[in-house]
Full PDB file with SEQRES, HELIX, SHEET, SSBOND, CRYST1, ORIGX, SCALE, CONECT and MASTER records, all heavy atoms in Angstrom:
SEQRES   1 A   38  VAL LEU GLN VAL GLY THR GLY ASP VAL PRO SER SER LEU          
SEQRES   2 A   38  ASN PHE TYR GLY LYS CYS GLY PHE THR ARG SER GLY SER          
SEQRES   3 A   38  ILE LYS ASN PHE PHE THR ASP ASN TYR ASP HIS PRO              
HELIX    1 AA1 PRO A   10  LYS A   18  1                                   9    
HELIX    2 AA2 PHE A   30  ASN A   34  1                                   5    
CRYST1    1.000    1.000    1.000  90.00  90.00  90.00 P 1           1          
ORIGX1      1.000000  0.000000  0.000000        0.00000                         
ORIGX2      0.000000  1.000000  0.000000        0.00000                         
ORIGX3      0.000000  0.000000  1.000000        0.00000                         
SCALE1      1.000000  0.000000  0.000000        0.00000                         
SCALE2      0.000000  1.000000  0.000000        0.00000                         
SCALE3      0.000000  0.000000  1.000000        0.00000                         
ATOM      1  N   VAL A   1    -189.267  -5.007  10.324  1.00  0.00           N  
ATOM      2  CA  VAL A   1    -188.814  -3.601   9.966  1.00  0.00           C  
ATOM      3  C   VAL A   1    -189.519  -2.621  10.818  1.00  0.00           C  
ATOM      4  O   VAL A   1    -190.734  -2.715  11.068  1.00  0.00           O  
ATOM      5  CB  VAL A   1    -189.093  -3.329   8.483  1.00  0.00           C  
ATOM      6  CG1 VAL A   1    -188.771  -1.841   8.169  1.00  0.00           C  
ATOM      7  CG2 VAL A   1    -188.329  -4.190   7.574  1.00  0.00           C  
ATOM      8  N   LEU A   2    -188.768  -1.620  11.366  1.00  0.00           N  
ATOM      9  CA  LEU A   2    -189.290  -0.473  11.952  1.00  0.00           C  
ATOM     10  C   LEU A   2    -189.032   0.697  11.081  1.00  0.00           C  
ATOM     11  O   LEU A   2    -187.893   0.898  10.648  1.00  0.00           O  
ATOM     12  CB  LEU A   2    -188.643  -0.216  13.394  1.00  0.00           C  
ATOM     13  CG  LEU A   2    -189.040   0.999  14.173  1.00  0.00           C  
ATOM     14  CD1 LEU A   2    -190.519   0.816  14.562  1.00  0.00           C  
ATOM     15  CD2 LEU A   2    -188.174   1.090  15.424  1.00  0.00           C  
ATOM     16  N   GLN A   3    -190.125   1.390  10.714  1.00  0.00           N  
ATOM     17  CA  GLN A   3    -189.875   2.547   9.822  1.00  0.00           C  
ATOM     18  C   GLN A   3    -190.494   3.841  10.401  1.00  0.00           C  
ATOM     19  O   GLN A   3    -191.357   3.784  11.359  1.00  0.00           O  
ATOM     20  CB  GLN A   3    -190.561   2.275   8.400  1.00  0.00           C  
ATOM     21  CG  GLN A   3    -192.045   2.340   8.405  1.00  0.00           C  
ATOM     22  CD  GLN A   3    -192.576   2.116   6.923  1.00  0.00           C  
ATOM     23  OE1 GLN A   3    -191.878   1.602   6.042  1.00  0.00           O  
ATOM     24  NE2 GLN A   3    -193.848   2.516   6.754  1.00  0.00           N  
ATOM     25  N   VAL A   4    -190.062   4.973   9.879  1.00  0.00           N  
ATOM     26  CA  VAL A   4    -190.587   6.248  10.317  1.00  0.00           C  
ATOM     27  C   VAL A   4    -190.573   7.135   9.092  1.00  0.00           C  
ATOM     28  O   VAL A   4    -189.651   7.101   8.309  1.00  0.00           O  
ATOM     29  CB  VAL A   4    -189.728   6.800  11.475  1.00  0.00           C  
ATOM     30  CG1 VAL A   4    -188.236   7.033  11.038  1.00  0.00           C  
ATOM     31  CG2 VAL A   4    -190.343   8.057  12.059  1.00  0.00           C  
ATOM     32  N   GLY A   5    -191.546   8.015   9.048  1.00  0.00           N  
ATOM     33  CA  GLY A   5    -191.671   9.051   7.993  1.00  0.00           C  
ATOM     34  C   GLY A   5    -191.408  10.339   8.618  1.00  0.00           C  
ATOM     35  O   GLY A   5    -191.939  10.684   9.765  1.00  0.00           O  
ATOM     36  N   THR A   6    -190.565  11.165   8.062  1.00  0.00           N  
ATOM     37  CA  THR A   6    -190.225  12.466   8.593  1.00  0.00           C  
ATOM     38  C   THR A   6    -189.960  13.495   7.559  1.00  0.00           C  
ATOM     39  O   THR A   6    -189.839  13.169   6.346  1.00  0.00           O  
ATOM     40  CB  THR A   6    -188.942  12.359   9.574  1.00  0.00           C  
ATOM     41  OG1 THR A   6    -188.755  13.501  10.331  1.00  0.00           O  
ATOM     42  CG2 THR A   6    -187.694  11.973   8.789  1.00  0.00           C  
ATOM     43  N   GLY A   7    -189.813  14.754   7.909  1.00  0.00           N  
ATOM     44  CA  GLY A   7    -189.459  15.772   7.014  1.00  0.00           C  
ATOM     45  C   GLY A   7    -187.999  15.671   6.608  1.00  0.00           C  
ATOM     46  O   GLY A   7    -187.188  15.127   7.333  1.00  0.00           O  
ATOM     47  N   ASP A   8    -187.702  16.184   5.416  1.00  0.00           N  
ATOM     48  CA  ASP A   8    -186.298  16.159   4.939  1.00  0.00           C  
ATOM     49  C   ASP A   8    -185.452  17.286   5.505  1.00  0.00           C  
ATOM     50  O   ASP A   8    -185.153  18.323   4.840  1.00  0.00           O  
ATOM     51  CB  ASP A   8    -186.374  16.320   3.380  1.00  0.00           C  
ATOM     52  CG  ASP A   8    -185.040  15.837   2.702  1.00  0.00           C  
ATOM     53  OD1 ASP A   8    -184.140  15.531   3.489  1.00  0.00           O  
ATOM     54  OD2 ASP A   8    -184.960  15.971   1.494  1.00  0.00           O  
ATOM     55  N   VAL A   9    -185.175  17.114   6.777  1.00  0.00           N  
ATOM     56  CA  VAL A   9    -184.502  18.152   7.597  1.00  0.00           C  
ATOM     57  C   VAL A   9    -183.287  17.518   8.244  1.00  0.00           C  
ATOM     58  O   VAL A   9    -183.406  16.404   8.882  1.00  0.00           O  
ATOM     59  CB  VAL A   9    -185.469  18.697   8.685  1.00  0.00           C  
ATOM     60  CG1 VAL A   9    -184.746  19.679   9.556  1.00  0.00           C  
ATOM     61  CG2 VAL A   9    -186.752  19.277   8.012  1.00  0.00           C  
ATOM     62  N   PRO A  10    -182.160  18.100   8.117  1.00  0.00           N  
ATOM     63  CA  PRO A  10    -180.897  17.500   8.694  1.00  0.00           C  
ATOM     64  C   PRO A  10    -181.034  17.106  10.151  1.00  0.00           C  
ATOM     65  O   PRO A  10    -180.566  15.989  10.480  1.00  0.00           O  
ATOM     66  CB  PRO A  10    -179.845  18.555   8.501  1.00  0.00           C  
ATOM     67  CG  PRO A  10    -180.297  19.385   7.263  1.00  0.00           C  
ATOM     68  CD  PRO A  10    -181.830  19.397   7.415  1.00  0.00           C  
ATOM     69  N   SER A  11    -181.626  17.828  11.002  1.00  0.00           N  
ATOM     70  CA  SER A  11    -181.671  17.460  12.405  1.00  0.00           C  
ATOM     71  C   SER A  11    -182.416  16.194  12.631  1.00  0.00           C  
ATOM     72  O   SER A  11    -182.006  15.299  13.407  1.00  0.00           O  
ATOM     73  CB  SER A  11    -182.237  18.594  13.318  1.00  0.00           C  
ATOM     74  OG  SER A  11    -183.530  18.899  12.881  1.00  0.00           O  
ATOM     75  N   SER A  12    -183.555  16.076  11.931  1.00  0.00           N  
ATOM     76  CA  SER A  12    -184.344  14.822  12.055  1.00  0.00           C  
ATOM     77  C   SER A  12    -183.611  13.629  11.474  1.00  0.00           C  
ATOM     78  O   SER A  12    -183.586  12.509  12.061  1.00  0.00           O  
ATOM     79  CB  SER A  12    -185.688  14.941  11.364  1.00  0.00           C  
ATOM     80  OG  SER A  12    -186.494  15.955  12.004  1.00  0.00           O  
ATOM     81  N   LEU A  13    -183.087  13.817  10.285  1.00  0.00           N  
ATOM     82  CA  LEU A  13    -182.370  12.746   9.590  1.00  0.00           C  
ATOM     83  C   LEU A  13    -181.087  12.229  10.405  1.00  0.00           C  
ATOM     84  O   LEU A  13    -180.875  11.054  10.489  1.00  0.00           O  
ATOM     85  CB  LEU A  13    -182.009  13.172   8.186  1.00  0.00           C  
ATOM     86  CG  LEU A  13    -183.148  13.475   7.285  1.00  0.00           C  
ATOM     87  CD1 LEU A  13    -182.643  13.945   5.923  1.00  0.00           C  
ATOM     88  CD2 LEU A  13    -184.100  12.270   7.088  1.00  0.00           C  
ATOM     89  N   ASN A  14    -180.481  13.217  11.037  1.00  0.00           N  
ATOM     90  CA  ASN A  14    -179.240  12.818  11.847  1.00  0.00           C  
ATOM     91  C   ASN A  14    -179.739  12.093  13.081  1.00  0.00           C  
ATOM     92  O   ASN A  14    -179.079  11.165  13.433  1.00  0.00           O  
ATOM     93  CB  ASN A  14    -178.548  14.134  12.218  1.00  0.00           C  
ATOM     94  CG  ASN A  14    -177.784  14.707  11.101  1.00  0.00           C  
ATOM     95  OD1 ASN A  14    -177.461  14.052  10.051  1.00  0.00           O  
ATOM     96  ND2 ASN A  14    -177.491  16.017  11.205  1.00  0.00           N  
ATOM     97  N   PHE A  15    -180.794  12.493  13.684  1.00  0.00           N  
ATOM     98  CA  PHE A  15    -181.286  11.782  14.910  1.00  0.00           C  
ATOM     99  C   PHE A  15    -181.635  10.322  14.589  1.00  0.00           C  
ATOM    100  O   PHE A  15    -181.130   9.465  15.257  1.00  0.00           O  
ATOM    101  CB  PHE A  15    -182.568  12.529  15.500  1.00  0.00           C  
ATOM    102  CG  PHE A  15    -183.233  11.721  16.456  1.00  0.00           C  
ATOM    103  CD1 PHE A  15    -182.688  11.541  17.762  1.00  0.00           C  
ATOM    104  CD2 PHE A  15    -184.480  11.081  16.198  1.00  0.00           C  
ATOM    105  CE1 PHE A  15    -183.351  10.670  18.700  1.00  0.00           C  
ATOM    106  CE2 PHE A  15    -185.085  10.240  17.144  1.00  0.00           C  
ATOM    107  CZ  PHE A  15    -184.546  10.074  18.360  1.00  0.00           C  
ATOM    108  N   TYR A  16    -182.444  10.193  13.520  1.00  0.00           N  
ATOM    109  CA  TYR A  16    -182.767   8.775  13.183  1.00  0.00           C  
ATOM    110  C   TYR A  16    -181.605   7.968  12.718  1.00  0.00           C  
ATOM    111  O   TYR A  16    -181.515   6.795  12.957  1.00  0.00           O  
ATOM    112  CB  TYR A  16    -183.922   8.799  12.092  1.00  0.00           C  
ATOM    113  CG  TYR A  16    -185.187   9.285  12.706  1.00  0.00           C  
ATOM    114  CD1 TYR A  16    -185.824  10.391  12.307  1.00  0.00           C  
ATOM    115  CD2 TYR A  16    -185.841   8.513  13.713  1.00  0.00           C  
ATOM    116  CE1 TYR A  16    -187.053  10.844  12.869  1.00  0.00           C  
ATOM    117  CE2 TYR A  16    -187.060   8.929  14.295  1.00  0.00           C  
ATOM    118  CZ  TYR A  16    -187.635  10.044  13.829  1.00  0.00           C  
ATOM    119  OH  TYR A  16    -188.819  10.455  14.439  1.00  0.00           O  
ATOM    120  N   GLY A  17    -180.694   8.604  12.026  1.00  0.00           N  
ATOM    121  CA  GLY A  17    -179.437   7.916  11.595  1.00  0.00           C  
ATOM    122  C   GLY A  17    -178.676   7.406  12.813  1.00  0.00           C  
ATOM    123  O   GLY A  17    -178.148   6.324  12.811  1.00  0.00           O  
ATOM    124  N   LYS A  18    -178.576   8.219  13.897  1.00  0.00           N  
ATOM    125  CA  LYS A  18    -177.868   7.815  15.031  1.00  0.00           C  
ATOM    126  C   LYS A  18    -178.582   6.658  15.813  1.00  0.00           C  
ATOM    127  O   LYS A  18    -178.031   5.930  16.586  1.00  0.00           O  
ATOM    128  CB  LYS A  18    -177.720   8.988  16.015  1.00  0.00           C  
ATOM    129  CG  LYS A  18    -176.705  10.020  15.575  1.00  0.00           C  
ATOM    130  CD  LYS A  18    -176.645  11.171  16.472  1.00  0.00           C  
ATOM    131  CE  LYS A  18    -175.637  12.224  15.941  1.00  0.00           C  
ATOM    132  NZ  LYS A  18    -175.603  13.432  16.769  1.00  0.00           N  
ATOM    133  N   CYS A  19    -179.917   6.526  15.477  1.00  0.00           N  
ATOM    134  CA  CYS A  19    -180.683   5.392  16.071  1.00  0.00           C  
ATOM    135  C   CYS A  19    -180.737   4.192  15.150  1.00  0.00           C  
ATOM    136  O   CYS A  19    -181.424   3.269  15.440  1.00  0.00           O  
ATOM    137  CB  CYS A  19    -182.152   5.948  16.335  1.00  0.00           C  
ATOM    138  SG  CYS A  19    -182.269   7.194  17.619  1.00  0.00           S  
ATOM    139  N   GLY A  20    -179.987   4.257  14.118  1.00  0.00           N  
ATOM    140  CA  GLY A  20    -179.758   3.034  13.191  1.00  0.00           C  
ATOM    141  C   GLY A  20    -180.637   2.945  12.031  1.00  0.00           C  
ATOM    142  O   GLY A  20    -180.676   1.964  11.352  1.00  0.00           O  
ATOM    143  N   PHE A  21    -181.366   4.098  11.672  1.00  0.00           N  
ATOM    144  CA  PHE A  21    -182.269   4.062  10.517  1.00  0.00           C  
ATOM    145  C   PHE A  21    -181.444   4.529   9.274  1.00  0.00           C  
ATOM    146  O   PHE A  21    -180.484   5.323   9.363  1.00  0.00           O  
ATOM    147  CB  PHE A  21    -183.365   5.079  10.737  1.00  0.00           C  
ATOM    148  CG  PHE A  21    -184.433   4.621  11.757  1.00  0.00           C  
ATOM    149  CD1 PHE A  21    -184.228   4.846  13.184  1.00  0.00           C  
ATOM    150  CD2 PHE A  21    -185.625   3.989  11.326  1.00  0.00           C  
ATOM    151  CE1 PHE A  21    -185.207   4.392  14.069  1.00  0.00           C  
ATOM    152  CE2 PHE A  21    -186.577   3.618  12.247  1.00  0.00           C  
ATOM    153  CZ  PHE A  21    -186.294   3.843  13.661  1.00  0.00           C  
ATOM    154  N   THR A  22    -181.870   4.016   8.120  1.00  0.00           N  
ATOM    155  CA  THR A  22    -181.300   4.481   6.887  1.00  0.00           C  
ATOM    156  C   THR A  22    -182.510   4.830   5.942  1.00  0.00           C  
ATOM    157  O   THR A  22    -183.681   4.322   6.122  1.00  0.00           O  
ATOM    158  CB  THR A  22    -180.478   3.355   6.227  1.00  0.00           C  
ATOM    159  OG1 THR A  22    -181.278   2.178   6.024  1.00  0.00           O  
ATOM    160  CG2 THR A  22    -179.228   3.055   6.998  1.00  0.00           C  
ATOM    161  N   ARG A  23    -182.286   5.636   4.964  1.00  0.00           N  
ATOM    162  CA  ARG A  23    -183.282   6.077   4.013  1.00  0.00           C  
ATOM    163  C   ARG A  23    -183.802   4.859   3.249  1.00  0.00           C  
ATOM    164  O   ARG A  23    -183.015   4.062   2.710  1.00  0.00           O  
ATOM    165  CB  ARG A  23    -182.662   7.047   3.055  1.00  0.00           C  
ATOM    166  CG  ARG A  23    -183.178   8.467   3.185  1.00  0.00           C  
ATOM    167  CD  ARG A  23    -182.542   9.321   1.988  1.00  0.00           C  
ATOM    168  NE  ARG A  23    -182.101  10.527   2.567  1.00  0.00           N  
ATOM    169  CZ  ARG A  23    -182.745  11.723   2.320  1.00  0.00           C  
ATOM    170  NH1 ARG A  23    -183.805  11.722   1.586  1.00  0.00           N  
ATOM    171  NH2 ARG A  23    -182.321  12.809   2.855  1.00  0.00           N  
ATOM    172  N   SER A  24    -185.113   4.828   3.107  1.00  0.00           N  
ATOM    173  CA  SER A  24    -185.776   3.730   2.428  1.00  0.00           C  
ATOM    174  C   SER A  24    -186.756   4.110   1.384  1.00  0.00           C  
ATOM    175  O   SER A  24    -187.344   3.295   0.691  1.00  0.00           O  
ATOM    176  CB  SER A  24    -186.383   2.714   3.349  1.00  0.00           C  
ATOM    177  OG  SER A  24    -187.266   3.428   4.216  1.00  0.00           O  
ATOM    178  N   GLY A  25    -187.087   5.486   1.293  1.00  0.00           N  
ATOM    179  CA  GLY A  25    -188.001   5.904   0.299  1.00  0.00           C  
ATOM    180  C   GLY A  25    -188.502   7.351   0.600  1.00  0.00           C  
ATOM    181  O   GLY A  25    -188.047   7.943   1.566  1.00  0.00           O  
ATOM    182  N   SER A  26    -189.419   7.770  -0.173  1.00  0.00           N  
ATOM    183  CA  SER A  26    -190.037   9.122   0.078  1.00  0.00           C  
ATOM    184  C   SER A  26    -191.376   9.251  -0.548  1.00  0.00           C  
ATOM    185  O   SER A  26    -191.726   8.458  -1.446  1.00  0.00           O  
ATOM    186  CB  SER A  26    -189.095  10.169  -0.443  1.00  0.00           C  
ATOM    187  OG  SER A  26    -189.056  10.118  -1.828  1.00  0.00           O  
ATOM    188  N   ILE A  27    -192.157  10.191  -0.123  1.00  0.00           N  
ATOM    189  CA  ILE A  27    -193.460  10.544  -0.693  1.00  0.00           C  
ATOM    190  C   ILE A  27    -193.374  11.960  -1.136  1.00  0.00           C  
ATOM    191  O   ILE A  27    -193.340  12.884  -0.314  1.00  0.00           O  
ATOM    192  CB  ILE A  27    -194.641  10.291   0.236  1.00  0.00           C  
ATOM    193  CG1 ILE A  27    -194.705   8.745   0.622  1.00  0.00           C  
ATOM    194  CG2 ILE A  27    -195.907  10.712  -0.437  1.00  0.00           C  
ATOM    195  CD1 ILE A  27    -195.757   8.465   1.665  1.00  0.00           C  
ATOM    196  N   LYS A  28    -193.367  12.264  -2.427  1.00  0.00           N  
ATOM    197  CA  LYS A  28    -193.291  13.583  -2.942  1.00  0.00           C  
ATOM    198  C   LYS A  28    -194.500  14.375  -2.493  1.00  0.00           C  
ATOM    199  O   LYS A  28    -195.608  13.913  -2.516  1.00  0.00           O  
ATOM    200  CB  LYS A  28    -193.264  13.601  -4.468  1.00  0.00           C  
ATOM    201  CG  LYS A  28    -191.954  13.141  -5.045  1.00  0.00           C  
ATOM    202  CD  LYS A  28    -191.010  14.267  -4.953  1.00  0.00           C  
ATOM    203  CE  LYS A  28    -189.764  13.979  -5.831  1.00  0.00           C  
ATOM    204  NZ  LYS A  28    -188.672  14.734  -5.337  1.00  0.00           N  
ATOM    205  N   ASN A  29    -194.219  15.601  -2.034  1.00  0.00           N  
ATOM    206  CA  ASN A  29    -195.250  16.634  -1.730  1.00  0.00           C  
ATOM    207  C   ASN A  29    -196.185  16.167  -0.546  1.00  0.00           C  
ATOM    208  O   ASN A  29    -197.268  16.711  -0.437  1.00  0.00           O  
ATOM    209  CB  ASN A  29    -196.059  17.041  -2.929  1.00  0.00           C  
ATOM    210  CG  ASN A  29    -195.228  17.546  -4.016  1.00  0.00           C  
ATOM    211  OD1 ASN A  29    -194.284  18.337  -3.803  1.00  0.00           O  
ATOM    212  ND2 ASN A  29    -195.463  17.151  -5.260  1.00  0.00           N  
ATOM    213  N   PHE A  30    -195.774  15.267   0.214  1.00  0.00           N  
ATOM    214  CA  PHE A  30    -196.649  14.723   1.284  1.00  0.00           C  
ATOM    215  C   PHE A  30    -197.161  15.923   2.163  1.00  0.00           C  
ATOM    216  O   PHE A  30    -198.337  16.018   2.465  1.00  0.00           O  
ATOM    217  CB  PHE A  30    -195.980  13.672   2.169  1.00  0.00           C  
ATOM    218  CG  PHE A  30    -196.786  13.182   3.254  1.00  0.00           C  
ATOM    219  CD1 PHE A  30    -197.716  12.196   3.105  1.00  0.00           C  
ATOM    220  CD2 PHE A  30    -196.723  13.797   4.527  1.00  0.00           C  
ATOM    221  CE1 PHE A  30    -198.524  11.697   4.073  1.00  0.00           C  
ATOM    222  CE2 PHE A  30    -197.568  13.332   5.603  1.00  0.00           C  
ATOM    223  CZ  PHE A  30    -198.435  12.266   5.349  1.00  0.00           C  
ATOM    224  N   PHE A  31    -196.270  16.746   2.666  1.00  0.00           N  
ATOM    225  CA  PHE A  31    -196.650  17.750   3.575  1.00  0.00           C  
ATOM    226  C   PHE A  31    -197.453  18.836   2.966  1.00  0.00           C  
ATOM    227  O   PHE A  31    -198.431  19.451   3.472  1.00  0.00           O  
ATOM    228  CB  PHE A  31    -195.372  18.325   4.292  1.00  0.00           C  
ATOM    229  CG  PHE A  31    -194.777  17.304   5.199  1.00  0.00           C  
ATOM    230  CD1 PHE A  31    -193.577  16.667   4.830  1.00  0.00           C  
ATOM    231  CD2 PHE A  31    -195.321  17.003   6.470  1.00  0.00           C  
ATOM    232  CE1 PHE A  31    -192.988  15.703   5.651  1.00  0.00           C  
ATOM    233  CE2 PHE A  31    -194.751  16.059   7.275  1.00  0.00           C  
ATOM    234  CZ  PHE A  31    -193.582  15.403   6.888  1.00  0.00           C  
ATOM    235  N   THR A  32    -197.128  19.240   1.730  1.00  0.00           N  
ATOM    236  CA  THR A  32    -197.845  20.246   0.989  1.00  0.00           C  
ATOM    237  C   THR A  32    -199.239  19.831   0.548  1.00  0.00           C  
ATOM    238  O   THR A  32    -200.175  20.528   0.488  1.00  0.00           O  
ATOM    239  CB  THR A  32    -197.049  20.772  -0.168  1.00  0.00           C  
ATOM    240  OG1 THR A  32    -196.655  19.766  -1.014  1.00  0.00           O  
ATOM    241  CG2 THR A  32    -195.910  21.656   0.307  1.00  0.00           C  
ATOM    242  N   ASP A  33    -199.371  18.484   0.278  1.00  0.00           N  
ATOM    243  CA  ASP A  33    -200.634  17.949  -0.192  1.00  0.00           C  
ATOM    244  C   ASP A  33    -201.587  17.565   0.975  1.00  0.00           C  
ATOM    245  O   ASP A  33    -202.769  17.487   0.794  1.00  0.00           O  
ATOM    246  CB  ASP A  33    -200.385  16.646  -0.997  1.00  0.00           C  
ATOM    247  CG  ASP A  33    -199.816  16.941  -2.418  1.00  0.00           C  
ATOM    248  OD1 ASP A  33    -199.796  18.149  -2.825  1.00  0.00           O  
ATOM    249  OD2 ASP A  33    -199.335  15.993  -3.058  1.00  0.00           O  
ATOM    250  N   ASN A  34    -201.124  17.291   2.143  1.00  0.00           N  
ATOM    251  CA  ASN A  34    -201.905  16.704   3.248  1.00  0.00           C  
ATOM    252  C   ASN A  34    -202.116  17.691   4.427  1.00  0.00           C  
ATOM    253  O   ASN A  34    -202.891  17.349   5.297  1.00  0.00           O  
ATOM    254  CB  ASN A  34    -201.256  15.387   3.787  1.00  0.00           C  
ATOM    255  CG  ASN A  34    -201.425  14.342   2.681  1.00  0.00           C  
ATOM    256  OD1 ASN A  34    -202.530  13.795   2.462  1.00  0.00           O  
ATOM    257  ND2 ASN A  34    -200.278  14.013   2.076  1.00  0.00           N  
ATOM    258  N   TYR A  35    -201.409  18.773   4.445  1.00  0.00           N  
ATOM    259  CA  TYR A  35    -201.576  19.703   5.572  1.00  0.00           C  
ATOM    260  C   TYR A  35    -202.223  21.038   5.071  1.00  0.00           C  
ATOM    261  O   TYR A  35    -201.911  21.395   3.932  1.00  0.00           O  
ATOM    262  CB  TYR A  35    -200.268  19.920   6.269  1.00  0.00           C  
ATOM    263  CG  TYR A  35    -199.823  18.722   7.088  1.00  0.00           C  
ATOM    264  CD1 TYR A  35    -199.274  17.606   6.496  1.00  0.00           C  
ATOM    265  CD2 TYR A  35    -200.188  18.679   8.433  1.00  0.00           C  
ATOM    266  CE1 TYR A  35    -198.949  16.503   7.236  1.00  0.00           C  
ATOM    267  CE2 TYR A  35    -199.845  17.512   9.228  1.00  0.00           C  
ATOM    268  CZ  TYR A  35    -199.244  16.473   8.587  1.00  0.00           C  
ATOM    269  OH  TYR A  35    -198.914  15.357   9.259  1.00  0.00           O  
ATOM    270  N   ASP A  36    -202.978  21.596   5.906  1.00  0.00           N  
ATOM    271  CA  ASP A  36    -203.705  22.839   5.494  1.00  0.00           C  
ATOM    272  C   ASP A  36    -202.891  24.155   5.592  1.00  0.00           C  
ATOM    273  O   ASP A  36    -203.434  25.205   5.360  1.00  0.00           O  
ATOM    274  CB  ASP A  36    -205.039  22.929   6.197  1.00  0.00           C  
ATOM    275  CG  ASP A  36    -204.917  23.166   7.746  1.00  0.00           C  
ATOM    276  OD1 ASP A  36    -203.770  23.420   8.237  1.00  0.00           O  
ATOM    277  OD2 ASP A  36    -205.889  23.121   8.474  1.00  0.00           O  
ATOM    278  N   HIS A  37    -201.644  24.035   6.018  1.00  0.00           N  
ATOM    279  CA  HIS A  37    -200.746  25.159   6.105  1.00  0.00           C  
ATOM    280  C   HIS A  37    -199.353  24.723   5.810  1.00  0.00           C  
ATOM    281  O   HIS A  37    -199.012  23.599   6.118  1.00  0.00           O  
ATOM    282  CB  HIS A  37    -200.954  25.850   7.501  1.00  0.00           C  
ATOM    283  CG  HIS A  37    -200.495  24.984   8.570  1.00  0.00           C  
ATOM    284  ND1 HIS A  37    -201.282  23.905   9.120  1.00  0.00           N  
ATOM    285  CD2 HIS A  37    -199.401  24.911   9.341  1.00  0.00           C  
ATOM    286  CE1 HIS A  37    -200.644  23.298  10.042  1.00  0.00           C  
ATOM    287  NE2 HIS A  37    -199.533  23.884  10.221  1.00  0.00           N  
ATOM    288  N   PRO A  38    -198.476  25.640   5.412  1.00  0.00           N  
ATOM    289  CA  PRO A  38    -197.108  25.312   5.311  1.00  0.00           C  
ATOM    290  C   PRO A  38    -196.433  24.984   6.673  1.00  0.00           C  
ATOM    291  O   PRO A  38    -196.765  25.571   7.633  1.00  0.00           O  
ATOM    292  CB  PRO A  38    -196.442  26.541   4.698  1.00  0.00           C  
ATOM    293  CG  PRO A  38    -197.572  27.364   4.187  1.00  0.00           C  
ATOM    294  CD  PRO A  38    -198.747  27.007   5.043  1.00  0.00           C  
TER     295      PRO A  38                                                      
MASTER        0    0    0    2    0    0    0    6  294    1    0    3          
END                                                                             
C-alpha cells in the first residue's frame, strides 16, 4: 500500500484521486492539534 495524509481540500483530494488514491481514513483535528498556527 502507498498512502498519503492530506488536508480535506478539494484540490488535493482531486489530485490524489487522479493518481489512483481512494479515501482510507482520517485523523480528527490533526492540523489544529499538531501545528502552532491555523
